[in-house]
N, C-alpha and C. Protein backbone atom coordinates (compact mmCIF):
# COMPACT_ATOMS: atom_id res chain seq x y z
N MET A 1 5.64 -9.64 -11.39
CA MET A 1 7.02 -9.99 -11.59
C MET A 1 7.66 -10.35 -10.26
N VAL A 2 7.39 -9.57 -9.25
CA VAL A 2 7.96 -9.84 -7.93
C VAL A 2 7.38 -11.13 -7.37
N LEU A 3 6.08 -11.32 -7.56
CA LEU A 3 5.46 -12.54 -7.05
C LEU A 3 6.02 -13.78 -7.73
N ALA A 4 6.33 -13.68 -9.01
CA ALA A 4 6.92 -14.82 -9.71
C ALA A 4 8.26 -15.19 -9.09
N ARG A 5 9.06 -14.18 -8.76
CA ARG A 5 10.35 -14.46 -8.13
C ARG A 5 10.17 -15.08 -6.76
N VAL A 6 9.18 -14.59 -6.01
CA VAL A 6 8.92 -15.13 -4.68
C VAL A 6 8.51 -16.59 -4.78
N PHE A 7 7.61 -16.89 -5.73
CA PHE A 7 7.17 -18.27 -5.90
C PHE A 7 8.33 -19.17 -6.32
N ARG A 8 9.24 -18.65 -7.14
CA ARG A 8 10.39 -19.47 -7.54
C ARG A 8 11.29 -19.77 -6.35
N VAL A 9 11.56 -18.76 -5.52
CA VAL A 9 12.42 -18.96 -4.35
C VAL A 9 11.77 -19.91 -3.36
N VAL A 10 10.47 -19.72 -3.12
CA VAL A 10 9.76 -20.60 -2.19
C VAL A 10 9.73 -22.01 -2.74
N GLY A 11 9.52 -22.14 -4.04
CA GLY A 11 9.50 -23.46 -4.66
C GLY A 11 10.84 -24.15 -4.55
N ARG A 12 11.92 -23.42 -4.74
CA ARG A 12 13.26 -24.02 -4.64
C ARG A 12 13.56 -24.45 -3.21
N SER A 13 13.16 -23.63 -2.23
CA SER A 13 13.45 -23.99 -0.85
C SER A 13 12.64 -25.22 -0.42
N THR A 14 11.40 -25.34 -0.92
CA THR A 14 10.63 -26.53 -0.56
C THR A 14 11.17 -27.75 -1.28
N LEU A 15 11.75 -27.56 -2.46
CA LEU A 15 12.35 -28.70 -3.16
C LEU A 15 13.59 -29.19 -2.42
N LEU A 16 14.35 -28.28 -1.87
CA LEU A 16 15.53 -28.68 -1.14
C LEU A 16 15.17 -29.36 0.18
N ASP A 17 14.11 -28.85 0.86
CA ASP A 17 13.71 -29.41 2.14
C ASP A 17 13.09 -30.79 1.98
N SER A 18 12.27 -30.94 0.99
CA SER A 18 11.61 -32.23 0.80
C SER A 18 12.06 -32.82 -0.52
N SER A 19 13.22 -33.42 -0.50
CA SER A 19 13.79 -33.97 -1.73
C SER A 19 13.04 -35.21 -2.20
N LEU A 20 12.25 -35.84 -1.33
CA LEU A 20 11.51 -37.02 -1.72
C LEU A 20 10.30 -36.69 -2.58
N GLN A 21 9.72 -35.53 -2.35
CA GLN A 21 8.54 -35.13 -3.11
C GLN A 21 8.97 -34.33 -4.33
N GLN A 22 8.34 -34.61 -5.43
CA GLN A 22 8.63 -33.85 -6.64
C GLN A 22 7.54 -32.80 -6.80
N GLN A 23 7.95 -31.56 -6.72
CA GLN A 23 7.01 -30.46 -6.84
C GLN A 23 7.38 -29.63 -8.06
N GLN A 24 6.38 -29.10 -8.68
CA GLN A 24 6.62 -28.20 -9.81
C GLN A 24 6.47 -26.77 -9.32
N LEU A 25 7.26 -25.92 -9.89
CA LEU A 25 7.20 -24.52 -9.53
C LEU A 25 5.92 -23.90 -10.06
N VAL A 26 5.36 -23.02 -9.30
CA VAL A 26 4.15 -22.33 -9.72
C VAL A 26 4.57 -21.22 -10.68
N ARG A 27 4.06 -21.26 -11.89
CA ARG A 27 4.40 -20.25 -12.88
C ARG A 27 3.21 -19.36 -13.11
N LEU A 28 3.41 -18.08 -12.90
CA LEU A 28 2.36 -17.12 -13.15
C LEU A 28 2.38 -16.73 -14.62
N PRO A 29 1.21 -16.53 -15.21
CA PRO A 29 1.20 -16.11 -16.61
C PRO A 29 1.75 -14.69 -16.76
N LEU A 30 2.45 -14.46 -17.85
CA LEU A 30 2.99 -13.14 -18.09
C LEU A 30 1.87 -12.17 -18.42
N ARG A 31 1.95 -10.99 -17.90
CA ARG A 31 0.94 -9.98 -18.17
C ARG A 31 1.37 -9.19 -19.40
N ARG A 32 0.56 -9.23 -20.41
CA ARG A 32 0.89 -8.54 -21.65
C ARG A 32 0.28 -7.16 -21.66
N LYS A 33 1.02 -6.20 -22.12
CA LYS A 33 0.52 -4.84 -22.16
C LYS A 33 -0.22 -4.56 -23.46
N TYR A 34 0.07 -5.30 -24.49
CA TYR A 34 -0.47 -4.97 -25.80
C TYR A 34 -1.36 -6.05 -26.39
N THR A 35 -1.52 -7.18 -25.71
CA THR A 35 -2.41 -8.23 -26.23
C THR A 35 -3.29 -8.76 -25.11
N TYR A 36 -4.44 -9.31 -25.53
CA TYR A 36 -5.31 -10.01 -24.60
C TYR A 36 -4.82 -11.44 -24.45
N ARG A 37 -5.44 -12.21 -23.56
CA ARG A 37 -5.04 -13.62 -23.39
C ARG A 37 -5.26 -14.43 -24.66
N SER A 38 -6.27 -14.03 -25.43
CA SER A 38 -6.57 -14.76 -26.66
C SER A 38 -5.56 -14.48 -27.75
N GLY A 39 -4.74 -13.45 -27.59
CA GLY A 39 -3.76 -13.10 -28.60
C GLY A 39 -4.18 -11.90 -29.44
N ALA A 40 -5.40 -11.43 -29.27
CA ALA A 40 -5.86 -10.27 -30.02
C ALA A 40 -5.18 -9.01 -29.50
N LEU A 41 -4.93 -8.08 -30.40
CA LEU A 41 -4.29 -6.83 -30.01
C LEU A 41 -5.27 -5.92 -29.30
N LYS A 42 -4.79 -5.26 -28.28
CA LYS A 42 -5.62 -4.28 -27.57
C LYS A 42 -5.70 -3.01 -28.40
N PRO A 43 -6.77 -2.23 -28.24
CA PRO A 43 -6.86 -0.98 -28.99
C PRO A 43 -5.85 0.04 -28.48
N MET A 44 -5.52 1.00 -29.34
CA MET A 44 -4.58 2.05 -28.96
C MET A 44 -5.16 2.88 -27.82
N PRO A 45 -4.35 3.24 -26.83
CA PRO A 45 -4.86 4.07 -25.74
C PRO A 45 -5.14 5.49 -26.23
N GLU A 46 -6.01 6.16 -25.50
CA GLU A 46 -6.31 7.55 -25.86
C GLU A 46 -5.10 8.41 -25.54
N ILE A 47 -4.75 9.27 -26.47
CA ILE A 47 -3.60 10.15 -26.31
C ILE A 47 -4.11 11.54 -25.99
N THR A 48 -3.67 12.07 -24.86
CA THR A 48 -4.05 13.43 -24.47
C THR A 48 -2.94 14.37 -24.92
N PRO A 49 -3.23 15.25 -25.86
CA PRO A 49 -2.17 16.13 -26.37
C PRO A 49 -1.90 17.28 -25.41
N PHE A 50 -0.76 17.26 -24.76
CA PHE A 50 -0.38 18.36 -23.88
C PHE A 50 0.48 19.35 -24.65
N GLY A 51 1.48 18.88 -25.30
CA GLY A 51 2.35 19.75 -26.06
C GLY A 51 3.27 20.58 -25.20
N LEU A 52 3.92 21.50 -25.85
CA LEU A 52 4.90 22.35 -25.18
C LEU A 52 4.22 23.31 -24.21
N VAL A 53 3.04 23.78 -24.55
CA VAL A 53 2.31 24.71 -23.68
C VAL A 53 1.96 24.03 -22.36
N GLY A 54 1.53 22.78 -22.41
CA GLY A 54 1.20 22.05 -21.19
C GLY A 54 2.41 21.83 -20.31
N VAL A 55 3.55 21.55 -20.93
CA VAL A 55 4.78 21.35 -20.16
C VAL A 55 5.19 22.66 -19.49
N ILE A 56 5.12 23.75 -20.22
CA ILE A 56 5.49 25.05 -19.66
C ILE A 56 4.54 25.43 -18.54
N CYS A 57 3.24 25.18 -18.73
CA CYS A 57 2.25 25.53 -17.71
C CYS A 57 2.38 24.65 -16.46
N THR A 58 3.10 23.57 -16.55
CA THR A 58 3.31 22.71 -15.40
C THR A 58 4.64 23.02 -14.71
N VAL A 59 5.69 23.22 -15.47
CA VAL A 59 7.03 23.39 -14.92
C VAL A 59 7.21 24.76 -14.26
N ILE A 60 6.76 25.81 -14.92
CA ILE A 60 6.98 27.16 -14.41
C ILE A 60 6.33 27.36 -13.04
N PRO A 61 5.04 27.03 -12.84
CA PRO A 61 4.48 27.18 -11.48
C PRO A 61 5.19 26.31 -10.45
N GLY A 62 5.62 25.12 -10.83
CA GLY A 62 6.34 24.26 -9.89
C GLY A 62 7.65 24.87 -9.45
N LEU A 63 8.38 25.46 -10.39
CA LEU A 63 9.63 26.13 -10.03
C LEU A 63 9.38 27.34 -9.14
N LEU A 64 8.36 28.13 -9.46
CA LEU A 64 8.07 29.32 -8.66
C LEU A 64 7.63 28.95 -7.25
N ILE A 65 6.78 27.94 -7.13
CA ILE A 65 6.33 27.51 -5.80
C ILE A 65 7.50 26.96 -4.99
N GLY A 66 8.36 26.15 -5.62
CA GLY A 66 9.53 25.61 -4.93
C GLY A 66 10.50 26.68 -4.48
N ALA A 67 10.71 27.69 -5.33
CA ALA A 67 11.61 28.78 -4.96
C ALA A 67 11.04 29.59 -3.80
N THR A 68 9.72 29.81 -3.81
CA THR A 68 9.09 30.56 -2.72
C THR A 68 9.19 29.82 -1.40
N ILE A 69 8.95 28.52 -1.43
CA ILE A 69 9.04 27.72 -0.20
C ILE A 69 10.47 27.72 0.33
N SER A 70 11.46 27.55 -0.54
CA SER A 70 12.84 27.51 -0.06
C SER A 70 13.29 28.87 0.45
N LYS A 71 12.84 29.96 -0.18
CA LYS A 71 13.19 31.30 0.31
C LYS A 71 12.60 31.54 1.69
N ASN A 72 11.34 31.13 1.89
CA ASN A 72 10.70 31.30 3.19
C ASN A 72 11.39 30.47 4.27
N MET A 73 11.80 29.26 3.93
CA MET A 73 12.49 28.42 4.90
C MET A 73 13.86 28.99 5.25
N ALA A 74 14.57 29.54 4.26
CA ALA A 74 15.88 30.14 4.54
C ALA A 74 15.73 31.35 5.45
N ASN A 75 14.70 32.16 5.21
CA ASN A 75 14.46 33.31 6.08
C ASN A 75 14.11 32.87 7.50
N PHE A 76 13.30 31.82 7.62
CA PHE A 76 12.93 31.30 8.94
C PHE A 76 14.16 30.81 9.70
N LEU A 77 15.03 30.06 9.03
CA LEU A 77 16.23 29.54 9.69
C LEU A 77 17.17 30.66 10.10
N GLU A 78 17.27 31.70 9.26
CA GLU A 78 18.17 32.80 9.60
C GLU A 78 17.62 33.65 10.74
N GLU A 79 16.30 33.85 10.78
CA GLU A 79 15.70 34.64 11.86
C GLU A 79 15.84 33.96 13.22
N ASN A 80 15.76 32.66 13.25
CA ASN A 80 15.84 31.92 14.50
C ASN A 80 17.26 31.46 14.83
N ASP A 81 18.23 31.95 14.11
CA ASP A 81 19.65 31.64 14.32
C ASP A 81 19.93 30.13 14.29
N LEU A 82 19.18 29.41 13.48
CA LEU A 82 19.45 27.98 13.32
C LEU A 82 20.52 27.77 12.26
N PHE A 83 20.52 28.59 11.24
CA PHE A 83 21.55 28.53 10.22
C PHE A 83 21.80 29.95 9.74
N VAL A 84 22.99 30.44 10.01
CA VAL A 84 23.36 31.79 9.60
C VAL A 84 24.62 31.67 8.75
N PRO A 85 24.53 32.05 7.48
CA PRO A 85 25.75 31.97 6.65
C PRO A 85 26.77 32.99 7.11
N SER A 86 28.02 32.58 7.18
CA SER A 86 29.07 33.49 7.64
C SER A 86 29.92 33.92 6.45
N ASP A 87 30.51 35.08 6.57
CA ASP A 87 31.35 35.60 5.50
C ASP A 87 32.75 35.00 5.54
N ASP A 88 33.10 34.31 6.62
CA ASP A 88 34.43 33.72 6.76
C ASP A 88 34.63 32.55 5.81
N ASP A 89 33.54 31.94 5.37
CA ASP A 89 33.64 30.76 4.52
C ASP A 89 33.99 31.09 3.08
N ASP A 90 33.93 32.35 2.71
CA ASP A 90 34.21 32.73 1.34
C ASP A 90 35.71 32.84 1.11
N ASP A 91 36.27 31.87 0.45
CA ASP A 91 37.70 31.87 0.10
C ASP A 91 37.81 32.05 -1.40
N ASP A 92 38.03 33.27 -1.83
CA ASP A 92 38.13 33.56 -3.25
C ASP A 92 39.56 33.55 -3.74
N ASP A 93 40.50 33.11 -2.94
CA ASP A 93 41.91 33.14 -3.32
C ASP A 93 42.21 32.13 -4.38
């Protein structure tokens, strides 16, 4: 898709530069996701059933690992006095 746009822009600029020559724009064939070039339908892709258990087994460890990394970084920053939260910033009024 990006290459088609590039070819169109390049084609237009060459048409403007050389108005005496008649050039045709290079058209790339569209890439079909569901058909072959002959028009035949492609077979259905294999479906891997993950389900709710797969989603839970992926999200929960990611959240735990992310929380552990952020906690360790906050402790590192506080120990080295790079970022120390102050109690003066709490305005509960």
